[in-house]
Amino acid sequence: MILCDIYKGNKKSEMYLYVPSDTGTKDVPQALIQSFGELELVMKIKLTKSRKLARVDVATVINELQQTGFYLQVPPSKWAESEDRSSAKG
């Protein structure tokens, strides 16, 4: 189990930065933090392998937090969204 803080910035919509609560953003590259603009804490959550997340695989997030000290969730691409909608119609 990892206690995790999730941040969003004022420059990038639908982009979120996951960091372990105990280390915060100290392992996140400065260029990445600057690209977010002002960071705002969105939520604190407990990550376990059985937890479901809306847009990302929790095992991937846990692995990245352990390996690099952060996980960057990027917005879904417009192309992927249109492909999902068209395959749902067919």
C-alpha atoms as a PDB file:
ATOM      1  CA  MET A   1       0.000   0.000   0.000  1.00  0.00           C
ATOM      2  CA  ILE A   2       1.246   3.478  -0.883  1.00  0.00           C
ATOM      3  CA  LEU A   3      -0.248   6.704   0.393  1.00  0.00           C
ATOM      4  CA  CYS A   4      -0.304   8.964  -2.645  1.00  0.00           C
ATOM      5  CA  ASP A   5      -0.885  12.675  -3.309  1.00  0.00           C
ATOM      6  CA  ILE A   6      -2.393  13.667  -6.645  1.00  0.00           C
ATOM      7  CA  TYR A   7      -1.763  17.158  -8.014  1.00  0.00           C
ATOM      8  CA  LYS A   8      -3.033  19.130 -10.974  1.00  0.00           C
ATOM      9  CA  GLY A   9      -1.600  22.293 -12.415  1.00  0.00           C
ATOM     10  CA  ASN A  10      -3.115  25.467 -13.777  1.00  0.00           C
ATOM     11  CA  LYS A  11      -1.380  25.113 -17.180  1.00  0.00           C
ATOM     12  CA  LYS A  12      -2.309  21.579 -18.300  1.00  0.00           C
ATOM     13  CA  SER A  13      -5.918  20.408 -18.175  1.00  0.00           C
ATOM     14  CA  GLU A  14      -6.613  16.750 -17.409  1.00  0.00           C
ATOM     15  CA  MET A  15      -2.956  16.137 -16.530  1.00  0.00           C
ATOM     16  CA  TYR A  16      -2.230  14.802 -13.052  1.00  0.00           C
ATOM     17  CA  LEU A  17       0.935  14.154 -11.089  1.00  0.00           C
ATOM     18  CA  TYR A  18       0.931  11.263  -8.604  1.00  0.00           C
ATOM     19  CA  VAL A  19       3.626  11.293  -5.896  1.00  0.00           C
ATOM     20  CA  PRO A  20       4.162   9.292  -2.699  1.00  0.00           C
ATOM     21  CA  SER A  21       2.900  11.335   0.254  1.00  0.00           C
ATOM     22  CA  ASP A  22       6.037  10.687   2.277  1.00  0.00           C
ATOM     23  CA  THR A  23       8.452  12.114  -0.321  1.00  0.00           C
ATOM     24  CA  GLY A  24       6.231  14.590  -2.146  1.00  0.00           C
ATOM     25  CA  THR A  25       7.576  16.163  -5.327  1.00  0.00           C
ATOM     26  CA  LYS A  26      11.298  15.918  -4.461  1.00  0.00           C
ATOM     27  CA  ASP A  27      11.920  13.220  -7.129  1.00  0.00           C
ATOM     28  CA  VAL A  28       9.979  15.020  -9.868  1.00  0.00           C
ATOM     29  CA  PRO A  29      12.150  16.828 -12.453  1.00  0.00           C
ATOM     30  CA  GLN A  30      11.953  20.624 -12.097  1.00  0.00           C
ATOM     31  CA  ALA A  31      11.082  21.023 -15.791  1.00  0.00           C
ATOM     32  CA  LEU A  32       8.021  18.816 -15.312  1.00  0.00           C
ATOM     33  CA  ILE A  33       6.886  20.702 -12.224  1.00  0.00           C
ATOM     34  CA  GLN A  34       7.334  24.020 -14.056  1.00  0.00           C
ATOM     35  CA  SER A  35       5.283  22.740 -17.013  1.00  0.00           C
ATOM     36  CA  PHE A  36       2.333  22.242 -14.650  1.00  0.00           C
ATOM     37  CA  GLY A  37       2.358  25.813 -13.413  1.00  0.00           C
ATOM     38  CA  GLU A  38       1.001  26.202  -9.893  1.00  0.00           C
ATOM     39  CA  LEU A  39       0.420  22.776  -8.337  1.00  0.00           C
ATOM     40  CA  GLU A  40      -2.850  22.169  -6.500  1.00  0.00           C
ATOM     41  CA  LEU A  41      -3.410  19.086  -4.347  1.00  0.00           C
ATOM     42  CA  VAL A  42      -6.485  17.319  -5.726  1.00  0.00           C
ATOM     43  CA  MET A  43      -6.633  14.344  -3.360  1.00  0.00           C
ATOM     44  CA  LYS A  44      -4.781  11.897  -1.147  1.00  0.00           C
ATOM     45  CA  ILE A  45      -5.490   8.216  -1.749  1.00  0.00           C
ATOM     46  CA  LYS A  46      -4.263   4.828  -0.592  1.00  0.00           C
ATOM     47  CA  LEU A  47      -3.072   2.822  -3.575  1.00  0.00           C
ATOM     48  CA  THR A  48      -3.355  -0.949  -3.383  1.00  0.00           C
ATOM     49  CA  LYS A  49      -3.235  -3.489  -6.202  1.00  0.00           C
ATOM     50  CA  SER A  50      -6.972  -4.112  -5.774  1.00  0.00           C
ATOM     51  CA  ARG A  51      -7.947  -0.426  -6.057  1.00  0.00           C
ATOM     52  CA  LYS A  52      -9.543   0.742  -9.296  1.00  0.00           C
ATOM     53  CA  LEU A  53      -8.566   4.047 -10.881  1.00  0.00           C
ATOM     54  CA  ALA A  54     -10.597   5.801 -13.564  1.00  0.00           C
ATOM     55  CA  ARG A  55      -8.078   6.203 -16.408  1.00  0.00           C
ATOM     56  CA  VAL A  56      -4.930   4.356 -15.403  1.00  0.00           C
ATOM     57  CA  ASP A  57      -3.873   0.918 -14.241  1.00  0.00           C
ATOM     58  CA  VAL A  58      -3.123   1.016 -10.509  1.00  0.00           C
ATOM     59  CA  ALA A  59      -0.266  -1.509 -10.843  1.00  0.00           C
ATOM     60  CA  THR A  60       1.446   0.804 -13.346  1.00  0.00           C
ATOM     61  CA  VAL A  61       1.067   3.776 -11.000  1.00  0.00           C
ATOM     62  CA  ILE A  62       2.444   1.827  -8.020  1.00  0.00           C
ATOM     63  CA  ASN A  63       5.389   0.566 -10.075  1.00  0.00           C
ATOM     64  CA  GLU A  64       6.257   4.058 -11.348  1.00  0.00           C
ATOM     65  CA  LEU A  65       6.004   5.541  -7.845  1.00  0.00           C
ATOM     66  CA  GLN A  66       8.405   2.891  -6.559  1.00  0.00           C
ATOM     67  CA  GLN A  67      10.816   3.165  -9.512  1.00  0.00           C
ATOM     68  CA  THR A  68      10.890   6.900 -10.271  1.00  0.00           C
ATOM     69  CA  GLY A  69       9.108   8.590  -7.377  1.00  0.00           C
ATOM     70  CA  PHE A  70       6.238   9.927  -9.486  1.00  0.00           C
ATOM     71  CA  TYR A  71       3.643   9.014 -12.111  1.00  0.00           C
ATOM     72  CA  LEU A  72       2.373  11.402 -14.788  1.00  0.00           C
ATOM     73  CA  GLN A  73      -1.193  10.873 -15.984  1.00  0.00           C
ATOM     74  CA  VAL A  74      -1.738  12.544 -19.339  1.00  0.00           C
ATOM     75  CA  PRO A  75      -5.126  13.273 -20.895  1.00  0.00           C
ATOM     76  CA  PRO A  76      -6.449  10.754 -23.390  1.00  0.00           C
ATOM     77  CA  SER A  77      -5.688  11.718 -26.964  1.00  0.00           C
ATOM     78  CA  LYS A  78      -8.506  13.045 -29.108  1.00  0.00           C
ATOM     79  CA  TRP A  79      -7.720  10.356 -31.676  1.00  0.00           C
ATOM     80  CA  ALA A  80      -8.075   7.551 -29.105  1.00  0.00           C
ATOM     81  CA  GLU A  81     -11.373   9.005 -27.872  1.00  0.00           C
ATOM     82  CA  SER A  82     -12.818   9.133 -31.409  1.00  0.00           C
ATOM     83  CA  GLU A  83     -11.638   5.552 -32.064  1.00  0.00           C
ATOM     84  CA  ASP A  84     -13.347   4.366 -28.854  1.00  0.00           C
ATOM     85  CA  ARG A  85     -16.614   6.018 -29.848  1.00  0.00           C
ATOM     86  CA  SER A  86     -16.564   4.655 -33.399  1.00  0.00           C
ATOM     87  CA  SER A  87     -15.789   1.087 -32.277  1.00  0.00           C
ATOM     88  CA  ALA A  88     -18.628   1.270 -29.729  1.00  0.00           C
ATOM     89  CA  LYS A  89     -21.068   2.109 -32.543  1.00  0.00           C
ATOM     90  CA  GLY A  90     -20.100  -0.825 -34.716  1.00  0.00           C
END
